[in-house]
C-alpha atoms as a PDB file:
ATOM      1  CA  MET A   1      49.748 -13.281 -42.422  1.00  0.00           C
ATOM      2  CA  ALA A   2      47.767 -14.825 -45.266  1.00  0.00           C
ATOM      3  CA  THR A   3      45.716 -16.921 -42.861  1.00  0.00           C
ATOM      4  CA  ILE A   4      44.703 -13.846 -40.868  1.00  0.00           C
ATOM      5  CA  GLU A   5      43.667 -12.051 -44.060  1.00  0.00           C
ATOM      6  CA  SER A   6      41.644 -15.060 -45.184  1.00  0.00           C
ATOM      7  CA  GLN A   7      39.957 -15.226 -41.777  1.00  0.00           C
ATOM      8  CA  ILE A   8      39.099 -11.524 -41.996  1.00  0.00           C
ATOM      9  CA  LEU A   9      37.655 -12.015 -45.478  1.00  0.00           C
ATOM     10  CA  LYS A  10      35.634 -15.010 -44.307  1.00  0.00           C
ATOM     11  CA  SER A  11      34.324 -13.039 -41.310  1.00  0.00           C
ATOM     12  CA  ARG A  12      33.286 -10.164 -43.572  1.00  0.00           C
ATOM     13  CA  GLU A  13      31.442 -12.570 -45.875  1.00  0.00           C
ATOM     14  CA  GLN A  14      29.645 -14.120 -42.895  1.00  0.00           C
ATOM     15  CA  ALA A  15      28.697 -10.666 -41.596  1.00  0.00           C
ATOM     16  CA  GLN A  16      27.329  -9.726 -45.012  1.00  0.00           C
ATOM     17  CA  LEU A  17      25.271 -12.934 -45.121  1.00  0.00           C
ATOM     18  CA  LEU A  18      23.912 -12.265 -41.625  1.00  0.00           C
ATOM     19  CA  ASP A  19      22.980  -8.697 -42.593  1.00  0.00           C
ATOM     20  CA  MET A  20      21.058 -10.055 -45.570  1.00  0.00           C
ATOM     21  CA  GLN A  21      19.243 -12.591 -43.371  1.00  0.00           C
ATOM     22  CA  ILE A  22      18.327  -9.866 -40.878  1.00  0.00           C
ATOM     23  CA  SER A  23      16.849  -7.690 -43.600  1.00  0.00           C
ATOM     24  CA  GLN A  24      14.871 -10.690 -44.902  1.00  0.00           C
ATOM     25  CA  ALA A  25      13.565 -11.438 -41.419  1.00  0.00           C
ATOM     26  CA  LYS A  26      12.030  -7.954 -41.269  1.00  0.00           C
ATOM     27  CA  ASP A  27       9.930  -8.653 -44.381  1.00  0.00           C
ATOM     28  CA  PRO A  28       6.372  -9.786 -43.469  1.00  0.00           C
ATOM     29  CA  SER A  29       6.120 -12.043 -46.527  1.00  0.00           C
ATOM     30  CA  PHE A  30       9.328 -13.828 -45.491  1.00  0.00           C
ATOM     31  CA  ILE A  31       7.958 -14.374 -41.986  1.00  0.00           C
ATOM     32  CA  GLU A  32       4.716 -15.758 -43.389  1.00  0.00           C
ATOM     33  CA  ARG A  33       6.577 -18.060 -45.782  1.00  0.00           C
ATOM     34  CA  GLN A  34       8.726 -19.405 -42.948  1.00  0.00           C
ATOM     35  CA  ALA A  35       5.659 -20.033 -40.774  1.00  0.00           C
ATOM     36  CA  LEU A  36       3.936 -21.860 -43.608  1.00  0.00           C
ATOM     37  CA  ASP A  37       6.963 -23.973 -44.497  1.00  0.00           C
ATOM     38  CA  LYS A  38       8.608 -24.746 -41.174  1.00  0.00           C
ATOM     39  CA  LEU A  39       5.682 -24.706 -38.748  1.00  0.00           C
ATOM     40  CA  ASP A  40       3.197 -26.456 -41.055  1.00  0.00           C
ATOM     41  CA  MET A  41       0.824 -23.524 -40.800  1.00  0.00           C
ATOM     42  CA  VAL A  42      -1.732 -22.647 -43.471  1.00  0.00           C
ATOM     43  CA  GLY A  43      -2.745 -19.349 -44.973  1.00  0.00           C
ATOM     44  CA  GLU A  44      -6.031 -17.626 -44.241  1.00  0.00           C
ATOM     45  CA  HIS A  45      -7.605 -18.699 -47.540  1.00  0.00           C
ATOM     46  CA  ASP A  46      -5.913 -22.107 -47.902  1.00  0.00           C
ATOM     47  CA  LEU A  47      -7.905 -25.324 -48.035  1.00  0.00           C
ATOM     48  CA  VAL A  48      -6.801 -28.104 -45.708  1.00  0.00           C
ATOM     49  CA  PHE A  49      -7.524 -31.737 -46.529  1.00  0.00           C
ATOM     50  CA  VAL A  50      -7.325 -34.330 -43.756  1.00  0.00           C
ATOM     51  CA  PHE A  51      -7.226 -37.974 -44.806  1.00  0.00           C
ATOM     52  CA  SER A  52      -7.894 -40.762 -42.339  1.00  0.00           C
ATOM     53  CA  GLU A  53      -6.119 -44.062 -42.731  1.00  0.00           C
END
């Protein structure tokens, strides 16, 4: 019985975390930050330096 209750608690915590991530994903600044960080994109007013080897 205790294992079922712990699984339910863990599932509720995971659902709460997913709800938080969904609400973050709706925020335009979060989307922009993810694009900049994970897709190596640059902002509209950012300077880009390219160095040749």
